[in-house]
Amino acid sequence: MYIQAAAALLFVVLLIVGAGYVMKRKQNRFGLMSIISYQPFGPKKGVAALKIGKEVLILGVTPNDMRLLKVFSGDELDLPETDGFQNTFEKFKKIGAQRN
């Protein structure tokens, strides 16, 4: 009985890990979108800057709504290149692995 419970638990854990791997592969495959900055103005409220392709979108974010405030073309702003979330996450994973 304990073996069946352990096998079922192992199966569920492997299923979650597999689903995470598939989602990681599909998410932001080409690096077309990245969060440049987010400035919170309270709980669940703030302004976000998203880079999509060569455009930068400024969004107002509230618990019930997300509104486009301004769009900048690539020529209007001079931003440094960002790595995007996935590359930053991978760097943190490597640092954590080195400490262990």
N, C-alpha and C. Protein backbone atom coordinates (compact mmCIF):
# COMPACT_ATOMS: atom_id res chain seq x y z
N MET A 1 0.82 -1.19 0.00
CA MET A 1 0.00 0.00 0.00
C MET A 1 0.87 1.26 0.00
N TYR A 2 1.95 1.26 0.80
CA TYR A 2 2.85 2.40 0.83
C TYR A 2 3.58 2.58 -0.50
N ILE A 3 3.88 1.47 -1.13
CA ILE A 3 4.57 1.53 -2.42
C ILE A 3 3.67 2.16 -3.47
N GLN A 4 2.40 1.82 -3.46
CA GLN A 4 1.46 2.41 -4.42
C GLN A 4 1.32 3.91 -4.19
N ALA A 5 1.24 4.33 -2.93
CA ALA A 5 1.12 5.75 -2.61
C ALA A 5 2.38 6.50 -3.04
N ALA A 6 3.55 5.92 -2.78
CA ALA A 6 4.82 6.55 -3.17
C ALA A 6 4.93 6.63 -4.69
N ALA A 7 4.49 5.57 -5.39
CA ALA A 7 4.55 5.58 -6.86
C ALA A 7 3.60 6.63 -7.43
N ALA A 8 2.42 6.76 -6.84
CA ALA A 8 1.47 7.77 -7.31
C ALA A 8 2.02 9.18 -7.07
N LEU A 9 2.62 9.40 -5.92
CA LEU A 9 3.21 10.70 -5.60
C LEU A 9 4.35 11.01 -6.56
N LEU A 10 5.19 10.04 -6.82
CA LEU A 10 6.29 10.22 -7.76
C LEU A 10 5.77 10.54 -9.16
N PHE A 11 4.72 9.86 -9.58
CA PHE A 11 4.12 10.13 -10.88
C PHE A 11 3.60 11.56 -10.97
N VAL A 12 2.94 12.04 -9.93
CA VAL A 12 2.40 13.40 -9.93
C VAL A 12 3.54 14.42 -9.97
N VAL A 13 4.59 14.18 -9.20
CA VAL A 13 5.74 15.10 -9.21
C VAL A 13 6.39 15.12 -10.58
N LEU A 14 6.58 13.98 -11.20
CA LEU A 14 7.17 13.94 -12.54
C LEU A 14 6.27 14.61 -13.57
N LEU A 15 4.97 14.48 -13.41
CA LEU A 15 4.03 15.14 -14.31
C LEU A 15 4.13 16.65 -14.19
N ILE A 16 4.26 17.16 -12.97
CA ILE A 16 4.40 18.61 -12.76
C ILE A 16 5.71 19.11 -13.34
N VAL A 17 6.79 18.37 -13.12
CA VAL A 17 8.10 18.77 -13.66
C VAL A 17 8.07 18.75 -15.19
N GLY A 18 7.45 17.74 -15.77
CA GLY A 18 7.34 17.66 -17.22
C GLY A 18 6.52 18.79 -17.80
N ALA A 19 5.42 19.14 -17.14
CA ALA A 19 4.59 20.26 -17.61
C ALA A 19 5.37 21.57 -17.51
N GLY A 20 6.15 21.74 -16.46
CA GLY A 20 6.98 22.94 -16.33
C GLY A 20 8.02 23.04 -17.43
N TYR A 21 8.61 21.92 -17.77
CA TYR A 21 9.61 21.89 -18.84
C TYR A 21 9.00 22.29 -20.18
N VAL A 22 7.82 21.73 -20.48
CA VAL A 22 7.14 22.06 -21.74
C VAL A 22 6.76 23.53 -21.77
N MET A 23 6.23 24.06 -20.67
CA MET A 23 5.84 25.47 -20.62
C MET A 23 7.05 26.39 -20.78
N LYS A 24 8.17 26.00 -20.19
CA LYS A 24 9.39 26.80 -20.31
C LYS A 24 9.85 26.87 -21.76
N ARG A 25 9.73 25.77 -22.46
CA ARG A 25 10.14 25.73 -23.86
C ARG A 25 9.24 26.60 -24.75
N LYS A 26 7.97 26.63 -24.44
CA LYS A 26 7.03 27.39 -25.25
C LYS A 26 7.01 28.88 -24.91
N GLN A 27 7.33 29.22 -23.68
CA GLN A 27 7.24 30.60 -23.21
C GLN A 27 8.37 31.44 -23.79
N ASN A 28 7.98 32.53 -24.41
CA ASN A 28 8.94 33.54 -24.88
C ASN A 28 10.06 32.91 -25.70
N ARG A 29 9.69 32.06 -26.64
CA ARG A 29 10.66 31.31 -27.44
C ARG A 29 11.60 32.22 -28.22
N PHE A 30 11.08 33.28 -28.79
CA PHE A 30 11.91 34.14 -29.63
C PHE A 30 12.35 35.41 -28.92
N GLY A 31 11.98 35.60 -27.68
CA GLY A 31 12.40 36.78 -26.93
C GLY A 31 11.83 38.07 -27.48
N LEU A 32 10.62 38.05 -27.99
CA LEU A 32 10.03 39.24 -28.59
C LEU A 32 9.49 40.22 -27.56
N MET A 33 9.19 39.75 -26.35
CA MET A 33 8.61 40.61 -25.34
C MET A 33 9.41 40.51 -24.05
N SER A 34 9.67 41.66 -23.43
CA SER A 34 10.35 41.66 -22.14
C SER A 34 9.85 42.83 -21.31
N ILE A 35 9.86 42.64 -19.99
CA ILE A 35 9.46 43.71 -19.07
C ILE A 35 10.69 44.56 -18.80
N ILE A 36 10.60 45.83 -19.14
CA ILE A 36 11.72 46.74 -18.92
C ILE A 36 11.72 47.22 -17.48
N SER A 37 10.53 47.64 -17.00
CA SER A 37 10.45 48.19 -15.66
C SER A 37 9.01 48.10 -15.16
N TYR A 38 8.88 48.11 -13.84
CA TYR A 38 7.55 48.17 -13.20
C TYR A 38 7.67 49.04 -11.97
N GLN A 39 6.80 50.02 -11.87
CA GLN A 39 6.78 50.92 -10.71
C GLN A 39 5.46 50.76 -9.98
N PRO A 40 5.46 50.13 -8.80
CA PRO A 40 4.20 49.96 -8.06
C PRO A 40 3.76 51.27 -7.40
N PHE A 41 2.45 51.48 -7.35
CA PHE A 41 1.87 52.64 -6.68
C PHE A 41 0.90 52.22 -5.59
N GLY A 42 1.02 51.05 -5.09
CA GLY A 42 0.14 50.52 -4.07
C GLY A 42 -0.07 49.04 -4.34
N PRO A 43 -0.91 48.41 -3.52
CA PRO A 43 -1.16 46.98 -3.75
C PRO A 43 -1.86 46.74 -5.08
N LYS A 44 -1.22 45.98 -5.93
CA LYS A 44 -1.76 45.59 -7.23
C LYS A 44 -2.03 46.77 -8.16
N LYS A 45 -1.32 47.87 -7.99
CA LYS A 45 -1.45 49.03 -8.86
C LYS A 45 -0.06 49.49 -9.26
N GLY A 46 0.09 49.91 -10.49
CA GLY A 46 1.38 50.41 -10.92
C GLY A 46 1.42 50.71 -12.40
N VAL A 47 2.62 51.05 -12.85
CA VAL A 47 2.88 51.34 -14.26
C VAL A 47 3.99 50.41 -14.72
N ALA A 48 3.77 49.78 -15.87
CA ALA A 48 4.74 48.84 -16.42
C ALA A 48 5.21 49.32 -17.78
N ALA A 49 6.47 49.07 -18.07
CA ALA A 49 7.04 49.35 -19.39
C ALA A 49 7.41 48.02 -20.01
N LEU A 50 6.79 47.70 -21.15
CA LEU A 50 7.04 46.45 -21.86
C LEU A 50 7.68 46.74 -23.20
N LYS A 51 8.69 45.97 -23.54
CA LYS A 51 9.31 46.09 -24.85
C LYS A 51 8.82 44.93 -25.70
N ILE A 52 8.15 45.26 -26.79
CA ILE A 52 7.65 44.26 -27.72
C ILE A 52 8.23 44.59 -29.08
N GLY A 53 9.13 43.75 -29.54
CA GLY A 53 9.81 44.04 -30.79
C GLY A 53 10.64 45.30 -30.64
N LYS A 54 10.34 46.32 -31.46
CA LYS A 54 11.07 47.59 -31.37
C LYS A 54 10.26 48.68 -30.70
N GLU A 55 9.07 48.34 -30.21
CA GLU A 55 8.22 49.32 -29.54
C GLU A 55 8.25 49.12 -28.03
N VAL A 56 8.07 50.23 -27.31
CA VAL A 56 7.96 50.19 -25.86
C VAL A 56 6.56 50.67 -25.50
N LEU A 57 5.83 49.83 -24.75
CA LEU A 57 4.47 50.15 -24.33
C LEU A 57 4.48 50.52 -22.85
N ILE A 58 3.85 51.62 -22.52
CA ILE A 58 3.68 52.03 -21.12
C ILE A 58 2.24 51.68 -20.74
N LEU A 59 2.09 50.83 -19.73
CA LEU A 59 0.77 50.33 -19.32
C LEU A 59 0.47 50.73 -17.89
N GLY A 60 -0.76 51.16 -17.66
CA GLY A 60 -1.27 51.38 -16.31
C GLY A 60 -1.96 50.11 -15.87
N VAL A 61 -1.59 49.59 -14.70
CA VAL A 61 -2.11 48.32 -14.23
C VAL A 61 -2.84 48.52 -12.90
N THR A 62 -4.10 48.04 -12.84
CA THR A 62 -4.88 48.03 -11.61
C THR A 62 -5.43 46.62 -11.43
N PRO A 63 -6.06 46.33 -10.28
CA PRO A 63 -6.59 44.98 -10.10
C PRO A 63 -7.66 44.60 -11.13
N ASN A 64 -8.38 45.57 -11.65
CA ASN A 64 -9.48 45.28 -12.57
C ASN A 64 -9.21 45.66 -14.02
N ASP A 65 -8.10 46.33 -14.29
CA ASP A 65 -7.92 46.88 -15.63
C ASP A 65 -6.44 47.02 -15.97
N MET A 66 -6.17 47.02 -17.26
CA MET A 66 -4.85 47.31 -17.78
C MET A 66 -5.05 48.24 -18.97
N ARG A 67 -4.44 49.42 -18.92
CA ARG A 67 -4.66 50.40 -19.97
C ARG A 67 -3.34 50.82 -20.61
N LEU A 68 -3.40 50.99 -21.91
CA LEU A 68 -2.25 51.48 -22.65
C LEU A 68 -2.17 52.98 -22.47
N LEU A 69 -1.06 53.47 -21.93
CA LEU A 69 -0.90 54.89 -21.68
C LEU A 69 -0.13 55.58 -22.80
N LYS A 70 0.91 54.92 -23.31
CA LYS A 70 1.76 55.54 -24.33
C LYS A 70 2.51 54.45 -25.08
N VAL A 71 2.76 54.68 -26.36
CA VAL A 71 3.57 53.78 -27.18
C VAL A 71 4.75 54.58 -27.71
N PHE A 72 5.94 54.07 -27.50
CA PHE A 72 7.15 54.68 -28.04
C PHE A 72 7.70 53.76 -29.12
N SER A 73 8.12 54.34 -30.24
CA SER A 73 8.76 53.54 -31.28
C SER A 73 10.23 53.37 -30.91
N GLY A 74 10.91 52.49 -31.62
CA GLY A 74 12.31 52.22 -31.34
C GLY A 74 13.20 53.43 -31.53
N ASP A 75 12.79 54.38 -32.39
CA ASP A 75 13.60 55.56 -32.65
C ASP A 75 13.50 56.61 -31.54
N GLU A 76 12.39 56.59 -30.80
CA GLU A 76 12.15 57.61 -29.78
C GLU A 76 12.94 57.39 -28.50
N LEU A 77 13.24 56.15 -28.17
CA LEU A 77 13.93 55.83 -26.93
C LEU A 77 15.25 55.14 -27.22
N ASP A 78 16.22 55.40 -26.35
CA ASP A 78 17.51 54.72 -26.45
C ASP A 78 17.67 53.87 -25.20
N LEU A 79 17.23 52.61 -25.28
CA LEU A 79 17.27 51.70 -24.14
C LEU A 79 18.39 50.69 -24.30
N PRO A 80 19.03 50.33 -23.19
CA PRO A 80 20.01 49.24 -23.28
C PRO A 80 19.30 47.93 -23.54
N GLU A 81 19.99 47.00 -24.16
CA GLU A 81 19.41 45.68 -24.43
C GLU A 81 19.19 44.96 -23.12
N THR A 82 18.03 44.31 -22.99
CA THR A 82 17.72 43.53 -21.79
C THR A 82 17.72 42.06 -22.14
N ASP A 83 17.97 41.25 -21.13
CA ASP A 83 18.04 39.80 -21.31
C ASP A 83 16.68 39.15 -21.37
N GLY A 84 15.67 39.77 -20.78
CA GLY A 84 14.37 39.12 -20.69
C GLY A 84 14.31 38.25 -19.45
N PHE A 85 13.12 37.85 -19.08
CA PHE A 85 12.91 37.09 -17.84
C PHE A 85 13.60 35.74 -17.87
N GLN A 86 13.49 35.03 -18.97
CA GLN A 86 14.00 33.66 -19.01
C GLN A 86 15.51 33.62 -18.81
N ASN A 87 16.25 34.53 -19.47
CA ASN A 87 17.71 34.54 -19.31
C ASN A 87 18.11 34.94 -17.89
N THR A 88 17.37 35.90 -17.30
CA THR A 88 17.66 36.31 -15.93
C THR A 88 17.39 35.16 -14.97
N PHE A 89 16.29 34.43 -15.19
CA PHE A 89 15.96 33.28 -14.36
C PHE A 89 17.04 32.22 -14.46
N GLU A 90 17.54 31.98 -15.66
CA GLU A 90 18.60 30.97 -15.84
C GLU A 90 19.87 31.39 -15.11
N LYS A 91 20.20 32.68 -15.10
CA LYS A 91 21.38 33.15 -14.38
C LYS A 91 21.25 32.88 -12.88
N PHE A 92 20.05 33.16 -12.33
CA PHE A 92 19.83 32.90 -10.91
C PHE A 92 19.93 31.42 -10.60
N LYS A 93 19.43 30.56 -11.51
CA LYS A 93 19.52 29.12 -11.28
C LYS A 93 20.99 28.68 -11.26
N LYS A 94 21.81 29.24 -12.14
CA LYS A 94 23.23 28.87 -12.16
C LYS A 94 23.93 29.32 -10.89
N ILE A 95 23.59 30.51 -10.39
CA ILE A 95 24.20 31.01 -9.15
C ILE A 95 23.82 30.11 -7.99
N GLY A 96 22.55 29.71 -7.94
CA GLY A 96 22.08 28.81 -6.88
C GLY A 96 22.76 27.46 -6.94
N ALA A 97 23.00 26.95 -8.15
CA ALA A 97 23.64 25.66 -8.31
C ALA A 97 25.11 25.72 -7.88
N GLN A 98 25.76 26.86 -8.11
CA GLN A 98 27.15 27.01 -7.73
C GLN A 98 27.32 27.04 -6.21
N ARG A 99 26.33 27.58 -5.50
CA ARG A 99 26.41 27.67 -4.04
C ARG A 99 26.24 26.31 -3.39
N ASN A 100 25.51 25.42 -4.05
CA ASN A 100 25.28 24.07 -3.47
C ASN A 100 26.40 23.20 -3.77
